[in-house]
Amino acid sequence: MTDLTLSTDSFTQYNAVDIISPYMCSLARDNYLRHVMPVAGRKNASVDDKITGEANVGKVAARYDLDPYSLAVEQRRSEKVRGEVARLAKELPETILELGAFHPLFSLGLDARKNKYLAQCLLLLEASPEADGENTMEMLVTAGTAEIFHDQIKLFVRNLHDLHQQDAKSGVKVSLVECIDWHHVFAYMNLPGKVKAQVDDVAKMFMLA
């Protein structure tokens, strides 16, 4: 679940087929974020009577001299950009009360092309210039095409591809494996013991390949 704003299309589109329901997700979200966002029926002195959420995204992003989509590889490795990224990292917790569920720590599956602060924060996943490729982050993401998190997972992967594919040394390498219709975990749960072990072995070989 990479979108705690609960706003993507598949969140309701696949309600009838996913083992997890939007209602369960909304309860979990409200409990998880109860201290950093307004929740109906609960008092919260930290955010009550304050504007929080999406309306503040542009204001927060404007604090940093970072335009992730226009930065060339050489600029990303510059001392100026690394300094801005370091400042953003240090101040990351301070922005939670301003953004609530729209904060990048909670919703990496929002559209980073429309959320500049999310795009800026995704720069934090890059290895430092001194790492020389040794500490490049590599991700394998799996998703079922009929699960309620499908489109937000795809958006998260697209965000990373957009921002990191141009830099082989320090960028993030990410691959997405989509399982048609079934949720990738739920399908495995329905297999008997020995068969499941055999399928696990095949899946590992496929993913490694």
Protein backbone atom coordinates (compact mmCIF):
# COMPACT_ATOMS: atom_id res chain seq x y z
CA MET A 1 0.00 0.00 0.00
CA THR A 2 1.86 3.05 -1.26
CA ASP A 3 -0.96 5.61 -1.27
CA LEU A 4 -2.38 6.44 2.15
CA THR A 5 -4.55 9.15 0.60
CA LEU A 6 -6.69 6.23 -0.68
CA SER A 7 -7.24 8.03 -3.98
CA THR A 8 -6.20 5.70 -6.83
CA ASP A 9 -8.73 4.10 -9.19
CA SER A 10 -7.96 0.44 -8.46
CA PHE A 11 -8.56 1.06 -4.77
CA THR A 12 -12.29 0.76 -5.43
CA GLN A 13 -12.25 -0.91 -8.87
CA TYR A 14 -11.03 -4.27 -7.53
CA ASN A 15 -12.87 -4.20 -4.21
CA ALA A 16 -14.85 -7.32 -5.13
CA VAL A 17 -11.82 -9.53 -5.86
CA ASP A 18 -9.09 -8.45 -3.44
CA ILE A 19 -8.85 -10.11 -0.03
CA ILE A 20 -8.17 -6.64 1.43
CA SER A 21 -11.06 -4.16 1.35
CA PRO A 22 -11.00 -0.35 1.09
CA TYR A 23 -12.86 -0.25 4.42
CA MET A 24 -10.06 -2.19 6.14
CA CYS A 25 -7.50 0.13 4.56
CA SER A 26 -9.31 3.27 5.67
CA LEU A 27 -9.46 2.02 9.28
CA ALA A 28 -5.75 1.11 9.18
CA ARG A 29 -4.83 4.47 7.64
CA ASP A 30 -6.82 6.49 10.18
CA ASN A 31 -5.24 4.61 13.07
CA TYR A 32 -1.71 4.76 11.63
CA LEU A 33 -1.87 8.49 10.88
CA ARG A 34 -4.14 9.55 13.74
CA HIS A 35 -1.50 11.94 15.14
CA VAL A 36 -0.61 13.67 11.86
CA MET A 37 -3.92 14.17 10.04
CA PRO A 38 -7.49 15.15 10.93
CA VAL A 39 -9.69 12.11 11.64
CA ALA A 40 -13.46 12.50 12.01
CA GLY A 41 -14.61 12.18 15.63
CA ARG A 42 -11.12 12.51 17.15
CA LYS A 43 -9.47 15.45 18.82
CA ASN A 44 -5.93 16.18 17.68
CA ALA A 45 -4.32 19.37 18.97
CA SER A 46 -1.45 19.02 16.49
CA VAL A 47 -3.58 19.40 13.37
CA ASP A 48 -7.07 20.56 14.43
CA ASP A 49 -7.99 23.91 12.88
CA LYS A 50 -4.92 23.79 10.62
CA ILE A 51 -4.71 23.40 6.86
CA THR A 52 -2.96 20.11 6.17
CA GLY A 53 -2.56 17.78 3.22
CA GLU A 54 -2.33 18.30 -0.53
CA ALA A 55 -2.77 22.08 -0.36
CA ASN A 56 0.66 22.41 1.26
CA VAL A 57 2.67 20.27 -1.20
CA GLY A 58 3.74 23.16 -3.44
CA LYS A 59 4.64 25.37 -0.47
CA VAL A 60 6.87 22.69 1.05
CA ALA A 61 8.57 21.90 -2.28
CA ALA A 62 9.37 25.60 -2.80
CA ARG A 63 11.72 25.54 0.20
CA TYR A 64 14.29 23.53 -1.77
CA ASP A 65 16.21 24.55 -4.87
CA LEU A 66 15.61 21.16 -6.50
CA ASP A 67 13.81 20.43 -9.76
CA PRO A 68 14.32 16.64 -10.02
CA TYR A 69 13.07 16.21 -13.59
CA SER A 70 15.40 18.83 -15.07
CA LEU A 71 18.60 17.90 -13.20
CA ALA A 72 21.33 16.47 -15.42
CA VAL A 73 23.47 13.64 -14.04
CA GLU A 74 26.42 16.00 -13.47
CA GLN A 75 24.20 18.45 -11.56
CA ARG A 76 22.87 15.69 -9.30
CA ARG A 77 26.40 14.95 -8.18
CA SER A 78 27.23 18.61 -7.52
CA GLU A 79 27.93 19.83 -4.02
CA LYS A 80 25.06 22.31 -4.22
CA VAL A 81 22.44 19.67 -5.08
CA ARG A 82 23.78 17.17 -2.55
CA GLY A 83 23.60 19.93 0.07
CA GLU A 84 19.95 20.66 -0.75
CA VAL A 85 19.12 16.94 -0.64
CA ALA A 86 20.84 16.64 2.74
CA ARG A 87 18.84 19.60 4.07
CA LEU A 88 15.62 18.07 2.76
CA ALA A 89 16.46 14.80 4.51
CA LYS A 90 17.12 16.57 7.81
CA GLU A 91 13.83 18.48 7.61
CA LEU A 92 11.74 15.54 6.38
CA PRO A 93 10.06 14.89 9.77
CA GLU A 94 9.09 18.56 10.13
CA THR A 95 6.83 18.41 7.07
CA ILE A 96 4.68 15.51 8.30
CA LEU A 97 2.12 17.67 10.10
CA GLU A 98 1.84 19.92 7.04
CA LEU A 99 1.16 17.10 4.58
CA GLY A 100 -0.45 14.26 6.55
CA ALA A 101 -1.30 11.36 4.22
CA PHE A 102 0.26 13.25 1.27
CA HIS A 103 3.72 13.04 2.86
CA PRO A 104 6.25 10.97 0.84
CA LEU A 105 6.94 8.76 3.85
CA PHE A 106 3.32 7.57 3.60
CA SER A 107 2.41 7.84 -0.08
CA LEU A 108 5.22 6.99 -2.49
CA GLY A 109 2.59 5.78 -4.94
CA LEU A 110 1.21 9.23 -5.73
CA ASP A 111 2.10 10.81 -9.08
CA ALA A 112 5.49 12.46 -8.57
CA ARG A 113 4.99 14.47 -11.78
CA LYS A 114 2.18 16.32 -9.97
CA ASN A 115 3.80 16.28 -6.51
CA LYS A 116 7.15 18.05 -6.66
CA TYR A 117 7.98 17.39 -3.02
CA LEU A 118 7.56 13.64 -3.57
CA ALA A 119 9.89 13.86 -6.58
CA GLN A 120 12.44 15.74 -4.48
CA CYS A 121 12.26 13.13 -1.71
CA LEU A 122 12.80 10.28 -4.17
CA LEU A 123 16.28 11.72 -4.78
CA LEU A 124 17.11 10.48 -1.28
CA LEU A 125 17.17 6.91 -2.63
CA GLU A 126 20.20 7.61 -4.80
CA ALA A 127 23.63 6.44 -3.75
CA SER A 128 26.18 9.15 -2.99
CA PRO A 129 28.64 10.08 -5.76
CA GLU A 130 31.46 8.52 -3.72
CA ALA A 131 29.75 5.10 -3.76
CA ASP A 132 30.85 4.52 -7.39
CA GLY A 133 27.96 2.18 -8.14
CA GLU A 134 28.62 -0.23 -5.28
CA ASN A 135 25.64 0.89 -3.19
CA THR A 136 23.10 1.37 -5.97
CA MET A 137 19.65 0.40 -4.72
CA GLU A 138 17.98 -2.41 -6.66
CA MET A 139 14.27 -3.21 -6.26
CA LEU A 140 12.08 -6.03 -7.45
CA VAL A 141 8.40 -5.11 -7.12
CA THR A 142 5.57 -7.60 -7.63
CA ALA A 143 1.88 -6.82 -8.04
CA GLY A 144 -1.31 -8.54 -9.14
CA THR A 145 -3.27 -6.74 -11.86
CA ALA A 146 -6.57 -7.23 -9.96
CA GLU A 147 -5.51 -6.04 -6.52
CA ILE A 148 -6.63 -2.76 -5.03
CA PHE A 149 -3.06 -1.46 -4.79
CA HIS A 150 -2.18 -2.22 -8.42
CA ASP A 151 -2.15 1.26 -9.96
CA GLN A 152 -0.45 2.92 -6.99
CA ILE A 153 2.32 0.30 -7.08
CA LYS A 154 2.76 0.94 -10.82
CA LEU A 155 2.92 4.69 -10.15
CA PHE A 156 5.62 4.15 -7.52
CA VAL A 157 7.67 2.14 -10.04
CA ARG A 158 7.11 4.76 -12.77
CA ASN A 159 8.24 7.50 -10.39
CA LEU A 160 11.52 5.69 -9.81
CA HIS A 161 12.04 4.98 -13.52
CA ASP A 162 11.38 8.62 -14.42
CA LEU A 163 13.85 9.98 -11.89
CA HIS A 164 16.63 7.41 -11.82
CA GLN A 165 17.04 5.53 -15.08
CA GLN A 166 19.42 8.10 -16.58
CA ASP A 167 22.14 7.54 -13.96
CA ALA A 168 23.55 3.99 -13.94
CA LYS A 169 26.06 4.67 -11.17
CA SER A 170 23.92 6.18 -8.43
CA GLY A 171 20.35 5.81 -9.67
CA VAL A 172 17.85 3.23 -8.42
CA LYS A 173 17.34 0.09 -10.51
CA VAL A 174 13.75 -1.13 -10.32
CA SER A 175 11.86 -3.97 -12.03
CA LEU A 176 8.14 -4.71 -11.87
CA VAL A 177 6.69 -8.23 -12.18
CA GLU A 178 2.93 -8.18 -12.76
CA CYS A 179 0.87 -11.32 -12.12
CA ILE A 180 -2.25 -11.34 -14.30
CA ASP A 181 -5.53 -11.04 -12.35
CA TRP A 182 -4.49 -12.70 -9.11
CA HIS A 183 -2.92 -10.94 -6.19
CA HIS A 184 0.62 -12.34 -6.18
CA VAL A 185 0.46 -13.51 -2.54
CA PHE A 186 -3.15 -14.66 -2.48
CA ALA A 187 -2.58 -17.03 -5.40
CA TYR A 188 0.26 -18.72 -3.53
CA MET A 189 -1.89 -19.18 -0.42
CA ASN A 190 -4.30 -21.39 -2.37
CA LEU A 191 -1.68 -23.96 -3.36
CA PRO A 192 -1.08 -27.17 -1.34
CA GLY A 193 2.22 -27.55 0.50
CA LYS A 194 4.47 -29.43 -1.94
CA VAL A 195 3.08 -27.65 -4.97
CA LYS A 196 3.59 -24.28 -3.30
CA ALA A 197 7.25 -25.14 -2.63
CA GLN A 198 7.73 -26.10 -6.28
CA VAL A 199 6.05 -22.90 -7.48
CA ASP A 200 8.21 -20.89 -5.08
CA ASP A 201 11.33 -22.37 -6.68
CA VAL A 202 10.08 -21.57 -10.19
CA ALA A 203 9.18 -18.03 -9.14
CA LYS A 204 12.64 -17.46 -7.61
CA MET A 205 14.33 -18.70 -10.79
CA PHE A 206 12.10 -16.45 -12.92
CA MET A 207 12.74 -13.37 -10.77
CA LEU A 208 16.49 -13.97 -10.66
CA ALA A 209 16.56 -14.46 -14.44
